[in-house]
C-alpha atoms as a PDB file:
ATOM      1  CA  MET A   1     -12.607 -38.898 -57.971  1.00  0.00           C
ATOM      2  CA  ALA A   2     -13.738 -41.958 -56.019  1.00  0.00           C
ATOM      3  CA  ASP A   3     -14.891 -41.449 -52.457  1.00  0.00           C
ATOM      4  CA  ARG A   4     -11.889 -42.418 -50.293  1.00  0.00           C
ATOM      5  CA  ARG A   5     -14.256 -43.513 -47.540  1.00  0.00           C
ATOM      6  CA  ASN A   6     -15.371 -46.394 -49.754  1.00  0.00           C
ATOM      7  CA  THR A   7     -11.823 -47.496 -50.621  1.00  0.00           C
ATOM      8  CA  LYS A   8     -10.977 -50.905 -49.227  1.00  0.00           C
ATOM      9  CA  LEU A   9      -7.410 -51.030 -47.960  1.00  0.00           C
ATOM     10  CA  ARG A  10      -4.916 -53.822 -47.379  1.00  0.00           C
ATOM     11  CA  ILE A  11      -3.927 -53.374 -43.747  1.00  0.00           C
ATOM     12  CA  ALA A  12      -1.277 -55.283 -41.787  1.00  0.00           C
ATOM     13  CA  LEU A  13      -0.860 -55.198 -38.022  1.00  0.00           C
ATOM     14  CA  CYS A  14       2.570 -56.096 -36.650  1.00  0.00           C
ATOM     15  CA  HIS A  15       2.633 -57.113 -32.987  1.00  0.00           C
ATOM     16  CA  PRO A  16       5.399 -58.787 -30.920  1.00  0.00           C
ATOM     17  CA  ASP A  17       3.405 -61.460 -29.063  1.00  0.00           C
ATOM     18  CA  LEU A  18      -0.309 -62.040 -29.610  1.00  0.00           C
ATOM     19  CA  GLY A  19      -1.194 -63.216 -26.112  1.00  0.00           C
ATOM     20  CA  ILE A  20      -3.668 -61.835 -23.599  1.00  0.00           C
ATOM     21  CA  GLY A  21      -3.140 -58.251 -22.477  1.00  0.00           C
ATOM     22  CA  GLY A  22      -4.188 -54.663 -22.991  1.00  0.00           C
ATOM     23  CA  ALA A  23      -1.954 -54.075 -26.011  1.00  0.00           C
ATOM     24  CA  GLU A  24      -3.175 -57.289 -27.613  1.00  0.00           C
ATOM     25  CA  ARG A  25      -6.781 -56.302 -26.921  1.00  0.00           C
ATOM     26  CA  LEU A  26      -6.232 -53.010 -28.748  1.00  0.00           C
ATOM     27  CA  VAL A  27      -4.693 -54.744 -31.782  1.00  0.00           C
ATOM     28  CA  VAL A  28      -7.461 -57.349 -31.943  1.00  0.00           C
ATOM     29  CA  ASP A  29     -10.205 -54.740 -31.564  1.00  0.00           C
ATOM     30  CA  ALA A  30      -8.632 -52.671 -34.354  1.00  0.00           C
ATOM     31  CA  ALA A  31      -8.482 -55.738 -36.594  1.00  0.00           C
ATOM     32  CA  VAL A  32     -12.107 -56.647 -35.855  1.00  0.00           C
ATOM     33  CA  GLU A  33     -13.430 -53.165 -36.597  1.00  0.00           C
ATOM     34  CA  LEU A  34     -11.326 -52.662 -39.722  1.00  0.00           C
ATOM     35  CA  THR A  35     -12.505 -56.034 -41.013  1.00  0.00           C
ATOM     36  CA  ALA A  36     -16.114 -55.057 -40.289  1.00  0.00           C
ATOM     37  CA  LEU A  37     -15.580 -51.952 -42.430  1.00  0.00           C
ATOM     38  CA  GLY A  38     -14.599 -54.160 -45.358  1.00  0.00           C
ATOM     39  CA  HIS A  39     -10.827 -53.715 -45.273  1.00  0.00           C
ATOM     40  CA  HIS A  40      -8.484 -56.657 -45.856  1.00  0.00           C
ATOM     41  CA  VAL A  41      -6.752 -57.152 -42.496  1.00  0.00           C
ATOM     42  CA  HIS A  42      -3.829 -59.427 -41.624  1.00  0.00           C
ATOM     43  CA  ILE A  43      -2.026 -59.731 -38.275  1.00  0.00           C
ATOM     44  CA  PHE A  44       1.664 -60.692 -38.167  1.00  0.00           C
ATOM     45  CA  THR A  45       3.340 -61.681 -34.916  1.00  0.00           C
ATOM     46  CA  ALA A  46       6.280 -63.614 -33.482  1.00  0.00           C
ATOM     47  CA  HIS A  47       4.100 -65.767 -31.234  1.00  0.00           C
ATOM     48  CA  HIS A  48       0.459 -66.861 -31.164  1.00  0.00           C
ATOM     49  CA  ASP A  49      -0.647 -69.603 -28.798  1.00  0.00           C
ATOM     50  CA  ARG A  50      -4.099 -70.682 -29.973  1.00  0.00           C
ATOM     51  CA  LYS A  51      -4.868 -71.951 -26.465  1.00  0.00           C
ATOM     52  CA  ARG A  52      -3.963 -68.663 -24.804  1.00  0.00           C
ATOM     53  CA  CYS A  53      -5.278 -65.801 -26.886  1.00  0.00           C
ATOM     54  CA  PHE A  54      -8.347 -63.720 -27.604  1.00  0.00           C
ATOM     55  CA  GLU A  55     -11.129 -65.644 -29.304  1.00  0.00           C
ATOM     56  CA  GLU A  56     -11.230 -63.369 -32.342  1.00  0.00           C
ATOM     57  CA  THR A  57      -7.723 -64.443 -33.372  1.00  0.00           C
ATOM     58  CA  VAL A  58      -8.773 -68.064 -33.886  1.00  0.00           C
ATOM     59  CA  ASP A  59     -12.371 -67.826 -35.137  1.00  0.00           C
ATOM     60  CA  GLY A  60     -11.426 -66.969 -38.727  1.00  0.00           C
ATOM     61  CA  SER A  61     -12.322 -63.281 -38.543  1.00  0.00           C
ATOM     62  CA  PHE A  62      -8.932 -62.408 -40.062  1.00  0.00           C
ATOM     63  CA  PRO A  63      -5.685 -64.296 -40.776  1.00  0.00           C
ATOM     64  CA  VAL A  64      -2.883 -64.427 -38.226  1.00  0.00           C
ATOM     65  CA  THR A  65       0.609 -65.360 -39.450  1.00  0.00           C
ATOM     66  CA  VAL A  66       3.532 -66.218 -37.174  1.00  0.00           C
ATOM     67  CA  TYR A  67       7.197 -65.732 -38.074  1.00  0.00           C
ATOM     68  CA  GLY A  68      10.235 -66.161 -35.846  1.00  0.00           C
ATOM     69  CA  ASP A  69       8.770 -68.126 -32.969  1.00  0.00           C
ATOM     70  CA  PHE A  70      11.908 -70.296 -33.107  1.00  0.00           C
ATOM     71  CA  LEU A  71      14.038 -67.316 -32.086  1.00  0.00           C
ATOM     72  CA  PRO A  72      14.845 -67.075 -28.346  1.00  0.00           C
ATOM     73  CA  ARG A  73      12.910 -64.715 -26.071  1.00  0.00           C
ATOM     74  CA  HIS A  74      15.984 -64.319 -23.877  1.00  0.00           C
ATOM     75  CA  ILE A  75      19.518 -65.645 -23.460  1.00  0.00           C
ATOM     76  CA  PHE A  76      20.073 -67.229 -20.039  1.00  0.00           C
ATOM     77  CA  ASN A  77      17.237 -65.042 -18.755  1.00  0.00           C
ATOM     78  CA  ARG A  78      19.060 -61.926 -19.982  1.00  0.00           C
ATOM     79  CA  LEU A  79      18.893 -59.679 -23.060  1.00  0.00           C
ATOM     80  CA  HIS A  80      15.068 -59.752 -23.222  1.00  0.00           C
ATOM     81  CA  ALA A  81      14.889 -56.419 -25.049  1.00  0.00           C
ATOM     82  CA  VAL A  82      17.490 -57.380 -27.660  1.00  0.00           C
ATOM     83  CA  CYS A  83      15.730 -60.677 -28.322  1.00  0.00           C
ATOM     84  CA  ALA A  84      12.363 -58.910 -28.607  1.00  0.00           C
ATOM     85  CA  TYR A  85      13.839 -56.521 -31.184  1.00  0.00           C
ATOM     86  CA  ILE A  86      15.358 -59.384 -33.170  1.00  0.00           C
ATOM     87  CA  ARG A  87      12.101 -61.375 -33.177  1.00  0.00           C
ATOM     88  CA  CYS A  88      10.047 -58.366 -34.297  1.00  0.00           C
ATOM     89  CA  VAL A  89      12.522 -57.315 -36.971  1.00  0.00           C
ATOM     90  CA  TYR A  90      12.448 -60.880 -38.307  1.00  0.00           C
ATOM     91  CA  VAL A  91       8.648 -60.634 -38.582  1.00  0.00           C
ATOM     92  CA  ALA A  92       9.029 -57.361 -40.476  1.00  0.00           C
ATOM     93  CA  ILE A  93      11.631 -58.857 -42.843  1.00  0.00           C
ATOM     94  CA  CYS A  94       9.277 -61.729 -43.661  1.00  0.00           C
ATOM     95  CA  MET A  95       6.449 -59.274 -44.287  1.00  0.00           C
ATOM     96  CA  ALA A  96       8.656 -57.234 -46.612  1.00  0.00           C
ATOM     97  CA  LEU A  97      10.042 -60.202 -48.567  1.00  0.00           C
ATOM     98  CA  LEU A  98       7.126 -62.621 -48.691  1.00  0.00           C
ATOM     99  CA  TRP A  99       4.050 -60.427 -48.990  1.00  0.00           C
ATOM    100  CA  PRO A 100       2.802 -57.821 -51.473  1.00  0.00           C
ATOM    101  CA  ARG A 101       2.741 -54.218 -50.369  1.00  0.00           C
ATOM    102  CA  PHE A 102       0.166 -53.264 -47.744  1.00  0.00           C
ATOM    103  CA  ASP A 103      -1.499 -49.861 -47.959  1.00  0.00           C
ATOM    104  CA  VAL A 104      -1.167 -49.331 -44.206  1.00  0.00           C
ATOM    105  CA  VAL A 105       0.962 -51.099 -41.614  1.00  0.00           C
ATOM    106  CA  PHE A 106       0.017 -50.704 -37.956  1.00  0.00           C
ATOM    107  CA  ALA A 107       3.220 -51.315 -35.965  1.00  0.00           C
ATOM    108  CA  ASP A 108       2.585 -51.853 -32.270  1.00  0.00           C
ATOM    109  CA  GLN A 109       4.976 -51.426 -29.325  1.00  0.00           C
ATOM    110  CA  VAL A 110       8.317 -52.112 -31.071  1.00  0.00           C
ATOM    111  CA  SER A 111       9.426 -49.275 -33.348  1.00  0.00           C
ATOM    112  CA  ALA A 112      12.553 -51.090 -34.554  1.00  0.00           C
ATOM    113  CA  VAL A 113      10.453 -52.732 -37.285  1.00  0.00           C
ATOM    114  CA  ILE A 114       9.656 -49.409 -38.968  1.00  0.00           C
ATOM    115  CA  PRO A 115      12.835 -49.064 -41.142  1.00  0.00           C
ATOM    116  CA  VAL A 116      12.261 -52.581 -42.507  1.00  0.00           C
ATOM    117  CA  LEU A 117       8.574 -51.991 -43.170  1.00  0.00           C
ATOM    118  CA  LYS A 118       9.382 -48.788 -45.046  1.00  0.00           C
ATOM    119  CA  LEU A 119      11.373 -50.803 -47.575  1.00  0.00           C
ATOM    120  CA  LYS A 120       8.024 -51.426 -49.263  1.00  0.00           C
ATOM    121  CA  ARG A 121       7.551 -48.124 -51.030  1.00  0.00           C
ATOM    122  CA  GLY A 122       4.068 -46.728 -50.817  1.00  0.00           C
ATOM    123  CA  SER A 123       3.129 -48.304 -47.487  1.00  0.00           C
ATOM    124  CA  LYS A 124       2.121 -45.877 -44.769  1.00  0.00           C
ATOM    125  CA  ILE A 125       3.479 -46.825 -41.351  1.00  0.00           C
ATOM    126  CA  LEU A 126       1.466 -46.039 -38.262  1.00  0.00           C
ATOM    127  CA  PHE A 127       3.206 -46.615 -34.930  1.00  0.00           C
ATOM    128  CA  TYR A 128       1.245 -47.011 -31.709  1.00  0.00           C
ATOM    129  CA  CYS A 129       3.197 -46.136 -28.563  1.00  0.00           C
ATOM    130  CA  HIS A 130       1.687 -47.400 -25.310  1.00  0.00           C
ATOM    131  CA  PHE A 131       4.545 -46.000 -23.218  1.00  0.00           C
ATOM    132  CA  PRO A 132       8.234 -45.293 -23.952  1.00  0.00           C
ATOM    133  CA  ASP A 133      10.089 -48.554 -23.395  1.00  0.00           C
ATOM    134  CA  LEU A 134      13.177 -46.778 -22.099  1.00  0.00           C
ATOM    135  CA  LEU A 135      11.166 -45.574 -19.094  1.00  0.00           C
ATOM    136  CA  LEU A 136       9.979 -49.092 -18.296  1.00  0.00           C
ATOM    137  CA  ALA A 137      13.489 -50.549 -18.428  1.00  0.00           C
ATOM    138  CA  GLN A 138      15.785 -50.579 -15.404  1.00  0.00           C
ATOM    139  CA  HIS A 139      18.871 -48.339 -15.465  1.00  0.00           C
ATOM    140  CA  THR A 140      20.150 -49.288 -12.023  1.00  0.00           C
ATOM    141  CA  THR A 141      23.780 -50.085 -12.878  1.00  0.00           C
ATOM    142  CA  LYS A 142      26.408 -48.726 -15.238  1.00  0.00           C
ATOM    143  CA  LEU A 143      26.379 -51.990 -17.171  1.00  0.00           C
ATOM    144  CA  ARG A 144      22.603 -51.798 -17.648  1.00  0.00           C
ATOM    145  CA  ARG A 145      22.874 -48.167 -18.735  1.00  0.00           C
ATOM    146  CA  LEU A 146      25.491 -49.154 -21.322  1.00  0.00           C
ATOM    147  CA  TYR A 147      23.242 -52.007 -22.480  1.00  0.00           C
ATOM    148  CA  ARG A 148      20.183 -49.761 -22.767  1.00  0.00           C
ATOM    149  CA  ALA A 149      21.910 -46.783 -24.446  1.00  0.00           C
ATOM    150  CA  PRO A 150      21.873 -48.154 -28.026  1.00  0.00           C
ATOM    151  CA  LEU A 151      18.369 -49.584 -27.545  1.00  0.00           C
ATOM    152  CA  ASN A 152      17.100 -46.218 -26.331  1.00  0.00           C
ATOM    153  CA  TRP A 153      18.695 -44.526 -29.343  1.00  0.00           C
ATOM    154  CA  ILE A 154      17.112 -47.064 -31.701  1.00  0.00           C
ATOM    155  CA  GLU A 155      13.713 -46.583 -30.069  1.00  0.00           C
ATOM    156  CA  GLN A 156      13.738 -42.799 -30.474  1.00  0.00           C
ATOM    157  CA  THR A 157      15.261 -42.806 -33.962  1.00  0.00           C
ATOM    158  CA  THR A 158      12.961 -45.438 -35.452  1.00  0.00           C
ATOM    159  CA  THR A 159       9.862 -43.977 -33.805  1.00  0.00           C
ATOM    160  CA  GLY A 160      10.563 -40.760 -35.669  1.00  0.00           C
ATOM    161  CA  MET A 161      10.539 -42.663 -38.981  1.00  0.00           C
ATOM    162  CA  ALA A 162       6.824 -43.524 -38.771  1.00  0.00           C
ATOM    163  CA  ASP A 163       4.376 -41.643 -40.981  1.00  0.00           C
ATOM    164  CA  CYS A 164       2.094 -41.232 -37.981  1.00  0.00           C
ATOM    165  CA  VAL A 165       2.633 -41.805 -34.259  1.00  0.00           C
ATOM    166  CA  LEU A 166      -0.309 -42.504 -31.960  1.00  0.00           C
ATOM    167  CA  VAL A 167      -0.442 -42.792 -28.171  1.00  0.00           C
ATOM    168  CA  ASN A 168      -3.152 -44.078 -25.872  1.00  0.00           C
ATOM    169  CA  SER A 169      -3.787 -40.961 -23.761  1.00  0.00           C
ATOM    170  CA  GLU A 170      -2.927 -37.317 -23.198  1.00  0.00           C
ATOM    171  CA  PHE A 171      -0.799 -38.493 -20.276  1.00  0.00           C
ATOM    172  CA  THR A 172       1.288 -40.731 -22.552  1.00  0.00           C
ATOM    173  CA  ALA A 173       1.514 -37.898 -25.091  1.00  0.00           C
ATOM    174  CA  SER A 174       3.076 -35.649 -22.449  1.00  0.00           C
ATOM    175  CA  ILE A 175       5.479 -38.397 -21.348  1.00  0.00           C
ATOM    176  CA  PHE A 176       6.360 -39.069 -25.000  1.00  0.00           C
ATOM    177  CA  SER A 177       7.265 -35.415 -25.583  1.00  0.00           C
ATOM    178  CA  SER A 178       9.323 -35.085 -22.399  1.00  0.00           C
ATOM    179  CA  THR A 179      11.159 -38.376 -23.054  1.00  0.00           C
ATOM    180  CA  PHE A 180      11.838 -38.167 -26.789  1.00  0.00           C
ATOM    181  CA  THR A 181      13.198 -34.621 -26.695  1.00  0.00           C
ATOM    182  CA  ARG A 182      14.906 -34.922 -30.082  1.00  0.00           C
ATOM    183  CA  LEU A 183      11.612 -35.830 -31.753  1.00  0.00           C
ATOM    184  CA  GLN A 184       9.885 -33.028 -29.857  1.00  0.00           C
ATOM    185  CA  ALA A 185      12.490 -30.569 -31.200  1.00  0.00           C
ATOM    186  CA  GLN A 186      11.824 -31.864 -34.712  1.00  0.00           C
ATOM    187  CA  GLY A 187       8.155 -31.033 -34.319  1.00  0.00           C
ATOM    188  CA  LEU A 188       6.830 -34.574 -33.904  1.00  0.00           C
ATOM    189  CA  HIS A 189       3.709 -34.477 -31.744  1.00  0.00           C
ATOM    190  CA  PRO A 190       1.867 -37.790 -31.347  1.00  0.00           C
ATOM    191  CA  ALA A 191      -1.887 -37.900 -31.775  1.00  0.00           C
ATOM    192  CA  VAL A 192      -4.073 -39.491 -29.127  1.00  0.00           C
ATOM    193  CA  LEU A 193      -6.143 -42.519 -30.093  1.00  0.00           C
ATOM    194  CA  TYR A 194      -7.890 -43.947 -27.052  1.00  0.00           C
ATOM    195  CA  PRO A 195      -8.262 -47.742 -26.961  1.00  0.00           C
ATOM    196  CA  ALA A 196     -11.813 -48.537 -28.004  1.00  0.00           C
ATOM    197  CA  VAL A 197     -14.223 -50.578 -25.902  1.00  0.00           C
ATOM    198  CA  ASN A 198     -17.106 -52.577 -27.298  1.00  0.00           C
ATOM    199  CA  VAL A 199     -19.661 -51.568 -24.667  1.00  0.00           C
ATOM    200  CA  HIS A 200     -22.289 -53.928 -26.033  1.00  0.00           C
ATOM    201  CA  GLN A 201     -20.344 -56.908 -24.682  1.00  0.00           C
ATOM    202  CA  PHE A 202     -21.135 -55.687 -21.176  1.00  0.00           C
ATOM    203  CA  ASP A 203     -24.895 -55.563 -21.673  1.00  0.00           C
ATOM    204  CA  THR A 204     -26.456 -57.716 -18.972  1.00  0.00           C
ATOM    205  CA  SER A 205     -29.949 -58.336 -17.739  1.00  0.00           C
ATOM    206  CA  SER A 206     -30.935 -58.396 -14.074  1.00  0.00           C
ATOM    207  CA  LYS A 207     -32.843 -61.591 -14.889  1.00  0.00           C
ATOM    208  CA  ASN A 208     -29.591 -63.188 -16.077  1.00  0.00           C
ATOM    209  CA  PRO A 209     -26.857 -62.435 -13.521  1.00  0.00           C
ATOM    210  CA  PRO A 210     -23.200 -62.990 -14.502  1.00  0.00           C
ATOM    211  CA  ASP A 211     -22.134 -66.630 -14.612  1.00  0.00           C
ATOM    212  CA  LEU A 212     -19.314 -66.961 -12.088  1.00  0.00           C
ATOM    213  CA  SER A 213     -19.421 -70.732 -11.798  1.00  0.00           C
ATOM    214  CA  PHE A 214     -15.833 -70.890 -13.111  1.00  0.00           C
ATOM    215  CA  ILE A 215     -14.646 -69.461  -9.768  1.00  0.00           C
ATOM    216  CA  PRO A 216     -15.325 -71.919  -6.959  1.00  0.00           C
ATOM    217  CA  GLY A 217     -15.752 -70.317  -3.567  1.00  0.00           C
ATOM    218  CA  LEU A 218     -16.927 -66.931  -4.793  1.00  0.00           C
ATOM    219  CA  PRO A 219     -20.050 -65.928  -2.801  1.00  0.00           C
ATOM    220  CA  ALA A 220     -22.943 -65.205  -5.148  1.00  0.00           C
ATOM    221  CA  ASP A 221     -24.196 -62.375  -2.923  1.00  0.00           C
ATOM    222  CA  GLY A 222     -20.773 -61.168  -1.801  1.00  0.00           C
ATOM    223  CA  HIS A 223     -18.695 -58.056  -2.404  1.00  0.00           C
ATOM    224  CA  THR A 224     -15.913 -58.617  -4.934  1.00  0.00           C
ATOM    225  CA  PHE A 225     -12.927 -56.364  -5.566  1.00  0.00           C
ATOM    226  CA  LEU A 226     -11.244 -56.984  -8.925  1.00  0.00           C
ATOM    227  CA  SER A 227      -7.721 -56.507 -10.254  1.00  0.00           C
ATOM    228  CA  ILE A 228      -7.098 -57.192 -13.969  1.00  0.00           C
ATOM    229  CA  ASN A 229      -3.453 -57.077 -15.032  1.00  0.00           C
ATOM    230  CA  ARG A 230      -0.756 -59.213 -16.538  1.00  0.00           C
ATOM    231  CA  PHE A 231       1.213 -61.071 -13.867  1.00  0.00           C
ATOM    232  CA  GLU A 232       4.217 -58.731 -14.044  1.00  0.00           C
ATOM    233  CA  ARG A 233       5.930 -56.924 -11.180  1.00  0.00           C
ATOM    234  CA  LYS A 234       5.551 -53.526 -12.839  1.00  0.00           C
ATOM    235  CA  LYS A 235       1.774 -53.941 -12.448  1.00  0.00           C
ATOM    236  CA  ASN A 236       2.283 -53.715  -8.665  1.00  0.00           C
ATOM    237  CA  ILE A 237      -0.528 -56.169  -7.910  1.00  0.00           C
ATOM    238  CA  ALA A 238       0.919 -56.690  -4.424  1.00  0.00           C
ATOM    239  CA  LEU A 239      -0.509 -53.283  -3.511  1.00  0.00           C
ATOM    240  CA  ALA A 240      -4.034 -54.593  -4.109  1.00  0.00           C
ATOM    241  CA  ILE A 241      -3.440 -57.551  -1.777  1.00  0.00           C
ATOM    242  CA  SER A 242      -1.917 -55.395   0.962  1.00  0.00           C
ATOM    243  CA  ALA A 243      -4.692 -52.796   0.728  1.00  0.00           C
ATOM    244  CA  PHE A 244      -7.330 -55.528   0.779  1.00  0.00           C
ATOM    245  CA  ALA A 245      -5.721 -57.045   3.892  1.00  0.00           C
ATOM    246  CA  ILE A 246      -5.867 -53.670   5.644  1.00  0.00           C
ATOM    247  CA  LEU A 247      -9.559 -53.387   4.764  1.00  0.00           C
ATOM    248  CA  VAL A 248     -10.268 -56.843   6.191  1.00  0.00           C
ATOM    249  CA  ARG A 249      -8.350 -56.109   9.420  1.00  0.00           C
ATOM    250  CA  GLN A 250     -10.112 -52.790   9.899  1.00  0.00           C
ATOM    251  CA  GLN A 251     -13.437 -54.497   9.393  1.00  0.00           C
ATOM    252  CA  GLU A 252     -12.575 -57.110  11.988  1.00  0.00           C
ATOM    253  CA  LYS A 253     -11.495 -54.447  14.505  1.00  0.00           C
ATOM    254  CA  SER A 254     -14.678 -52.439  14.033  1.00  0.00           C
ATOM    255  CA  GLN A 255     -16.719 -55.651  14.357  1.00  0.00           C
ATOM    256  CA  SER A 256     -18.854 -54.382  11.501  1.00  0.00           C
ATOM    257  CA  THR A 257     -21.695 -56.654  10.489  1.00  0.00           C
ATOM    258  CA  MET A 258     -22.602 -54.628   7.397  1.00  0.00           C
ATOM    259  CA  VAL A 259     -20.599 -56.967   5.159  1.00  0.00           C
ATOM    260  CA  PRO A 260     -19.325 -60.136   6.851  1.00  0.00           C
ATOM    261  CA  LYS A 261     -15.713 -61.046   6.124  1.00  0.00           C
ATOM    262  CA  GLU A 262     -16.882 -64.323   4.606  1.00  0.00           C
ATOM    263  CA  LEU A 263     -18.668 -62.407   1.821  1.00  0.00           C
ATOM    264  CA  VAL A 264     -15.702 -60.242   0.758  1.00  0.00           C
ATOM    265  CA  ARG A 265     -13.262 -61.387  -1.927  1.00  0.00           C
ATOM    266  CA  LEU A 266     -10.382 -60.013  -3.963  1.00  0.00           C
ATOM    267  CA  VAL A 267     -10.136 -61.570  -7.434  1.00  0.00           C
ATOM    268  CA  ILE A 268      -6.824 -61.152  -9.245  1.00  0.00           C
ATOM    269  CA  ALA A 269      -7.243 -61.981 -12.914  1.00  0.00           C
ATOM    270  CA  GLY A 270      -5.240 -61.273 -16.030  1.00  0.00           C
ATOM    271  CA  GLY A 271      -2.804 -62.464 -18.643  1.00  0.00           C
ATOM    272  CA  TYR A 272      -0.526 -65.292 -17.583  1.00  0.00           C
ATOM    273  CA  ASP A 273       2.080 -67.021 -19.722  1.00  0.00           C
ATOM    274  CA  GLN A 274       3.627 -70.177 -18.308  1.00  0.00           C
ATOM    275  CA  ARG A 275       6.645 -69.678 -20.606  1.00  0.00           C
ATOM    276  CA  LEU A 276       7.654 -66.482 -18.816  1.00  0.00           C
ATOM    277  CA  ALA A 277       9.709 -66.852 -15.655  1.00  0.00           C
ATOM    278  CA  GLU A 278       8.466 -63.521 -14.292  1.00  0.00           C
ATOM    279  CA  ASN A 279       4.834 -64.598 -14.648  1.00  0.00           C
ATOM    280  CA  ARG A 280       5.500 -67.839 -12.765  1.00  0.00           C
ATOM    281  CA  GLU A 281       7.584 -66.193 -10.062  1.00  0.00           C
ATOM    282  CA  TYR A 282       5.265 -63.250  -9.530  1.00  0.00           C
ATOM    283  CA  LEU A 283       2.151 -65.396  -9.230  1.00  0.00           C
ATOM    284  CA  GLN A 284       3.888 -67.402  -6.496  1.00  0.00           C
ATOM    285  CA  GLU A 285       5.051 -64.190  -4.793  1.00  0.00           C
ATOM    286  CA  LEU A 286       1.487 -62.878  -4.746  1.00  0.00           C
ATOM    287  CA  LYS A 287       0.157 -66.125  -3.289  1.00  0.00           C
ATOM    288  CA  THR A 288       2.864 -65.997  -0.604  1.00  0.00           C
ATOM    289  CA  LEU A 289       1.987 -62.371   0.184  1.00  0.00           C
ATOM    290  CA  ALA A 290      -1.701 -63.245   0.539  1.00  0.00           C
ATOM    291  CA  THR A 291      -0.745 -65.943   3.043  1.00  0.00           C
ATOM    292  CA  GLU A 292       1.547 -63.587   4.987  1.00  0.00           C
ATOM    293  CA  GLU A 293      -1.206 -60.951   5.098  1.00  0.00           C
ATOM    294  CA  GLY A 294      -3.659 -63.531   6.419  1.00  0.00           C
ATOM    295  CA  VAL A 295      -6.092 -63.269   3.497  1.00  0.00           C
ATOM    296  CA  ALA A 296      -5.150 -66.318   1.430  1.00  0.00           C
ATOM    297  CA  ASP A 297      -8.659 -67.710   1.835  1.00  0.00           C
ATOM    298  CA  LEU A 298     -10.184 -64.452   0.570  1.00  0.00           C
ATOM    299  CA  VAL A 299      -7.942 -63.855  -2.469  1.00  0.00           C
ATOM    300  CA  ILE A 300      -8.774 -65.755  -5.671  1.00  0.00           C
ATOM    301  CA  PHE A 301      -6.358 -65.958  -8.599  1.00  0.00           C
ATOM    302  CA  VAL A 302      -7.721 -66.366 -12.149  1.00  0.00           C
ATOM    303  CA  PRO A 303      -4.736 -66.508 -14.565  1.00  0.00           C
ATOM    304  CA  SER A 304      -5.513 -66.035 -18.266  1.00  0.00           C
ATOM    305  CA  CYS A 305      -9.246 -65.621 -17.921  1.00  0.00           C
ATOM    306  CA  SER A 306     -11.287 -65.635 -21.131  1.00  0.00           C
ATOM    307  CA  THR A 307     -13.127 -62.595 -22.461  1.00  0.00           C
ATOM    308  CA  SER A 308     -16.480 -63.931 -21.249  1.00  0.00           C
ATOM    309  CA  GLN A 309     -15.027 -64.634 -17.796  1.00  0.00           C
ATOM    310  CA  ARG A 310     -13.511 -61.147 -17.629  1.00  0.00           C
ATOM    311  CA  ASN A 311     -16.829 -59.576 -18.577  1.00  0.00           C
ATOM    312  CA  ALA A 312     -18.625 -61.627 -15.934  1.00  0.00           C
ATOM    313  CA  LEU A 313     -16.148 -60.458 -13.297  1.00  0.00           C
ATOM    314  CA  LEU A 314     -16.506 -56.823 -14.348  1.00  0.00           C
ATOM    315  CA  ALA A 315     -20.282 -57.114 -14.141  1.00  0.00           C
ATOM    316  CA  ALA A 316     -20.180 -58.730 -10.699  1.00  0.00           C
ATOM    317  CA  CYS A 317     -17.510 -56.695  -8.907  1.00  0.00           C
ATOM    318  CA  ILE A 318     -18.157 -53.582  -6.830  1.00  0.00           C
ATOM    319  CA  CYS A 319     -14.764 -52.035  -7.574  1.00  0.00           C
ATOM    320  CA  VAL A 320     -11.864 -52.372 -10.040  1.00  0.00           C
ATOM    321  CA  LEU A 321      -8.419 -51.699  -8.578  1.00  0.00           C
ATOM    322  CA  TYR A 322      -5.662 -50.012 -10.611  1.00  0.00           C
ATOM    323  CA  THR A 323      -2.190 -50.444  -9.160  1.00  0.00           C
ATOM    324  CA  PRO A 324       0.665 -49.973 -11.724  1.00  0.00           C
ATOM    325  CA  LYS A 325       3.520 -47.873 -10.399  1.00  0.00           C
ATOM    326  CA  VAL A 326       3.601 -45.564 -13.398  1.00  0.00           C
ATOM    327  CA  PHE A 327       1.056 -43.338 -11.688  1.00  0.00           C
ATOM    328  CA  SER A 328       1.730 -43.895  -8.015  1.00  0.00           C
ATOM    329  CA  SER A 329       3.397 -46.268  -5.609  1.00  0.00           C
ATOM    330  CA  SER A 330       1.177 -45.449  -2.668  1.00  0.00           C
ATOM    331  CA  ARG A 331      -2.402 -45.168  -3.895  1.00  0.00           C
ATOM    332  CA  ILE A 332      -4.982 -47.321  -5.608  1.00  0.00           C
ATOM    333  CA  PHE A 333      -6.803 -45.591  -8.440  1.00  0.00           C
ATOM    334  CA  LEU A 334     -10.447 -46.525  -8.921  1.00  0.00           C
END
C-alpha cells in the first residue's frame, strides 16, 4: 500500500470574502502550507479585491476563483446574513457543477455550503468554525428573532453534516458545545486546530529596526500601543481609545517625565473595506471619539495595512491591545 503521507491531494478552500482579516489569514496560511507540501490547492470565494488582500493570493502561489460577486451583499442595508448565505451557496454550486471532484474541501465560516459540496460523492468536507454566528447576531426584537430562527437552524443542521468540524480554540470548542446542543447530544465534538503563525516573518535584527516610514508622525524612539482588528463595532476598538486617554490623563496629572506625552502613541490598524457601511461609519466614530477624549493627535489610524506594515508595527510596539466584547466589556486583554 502506498504511503498516504506522500499522496498529493486536490484541495479546495471555500471562503465568503477573501479580504484582510483573521479568518482570511488562516485560509491563506493553510493554502500556502498545503501548496508547499505538494498538494494541489484552489481557493474559491465570492469576492477578491486584488488591491485589498493578502499578498499570497495574487502572487501566483495558488489559483483564486471568484463566483457570485454580482450578487448583493445586503438589501437596503438589511438581510446581510441571508445575502451572505446566498453568495456562498452560489460559490458552492459553481464548484459542484464546473469543477471535478476535490479530495478535500475546507469550508470556512459559512456552513450552509456543506450540503451542496457533499453532492460531489467522495469529497471530504472539513468545516472550520471561528465562532457560532448565531451568537454574534443581534436578537434584540421579536422581528429579528423571527428572522434569525431559520438561519440559526440552518447553521446548526448544516454544521452537523461536515465530515470533520474544527474550531480555533478550547474556548470556542466549549461555546460550540453549549450553543449547538443538538449536535452535542448527537456526539459531535469539534477538534481544536489553532491558527498557525509563521514566526520567521517576525525575525528582525537590532541593526535593522522596523521600517515605520509609512506612518508619518510616529516617534522613532516612542512608546507605541497597537490595536489590530477589522473596523467593526463588535471589535470594541473604542475601549482601546478610552483606555489610552485615561493613561494619558493620569500621566499628565502625575507630571511623570519617564515617558513624555509627545512620545506615546496608539496605532489602530486592521482590515478596512470601503464598500462596507459599518467600516466607514465605525472609522469615523473612532476618530470622533479620539477627538472627544482629547487624544486625536496621539491616535493614528492605519486602515488595511499590508503584511509587512503589520509586522513592522508588531515589532515596534510595546503592547498589543485586545478589545472584542466576546471576552469582556470592561477589560483589555494583553
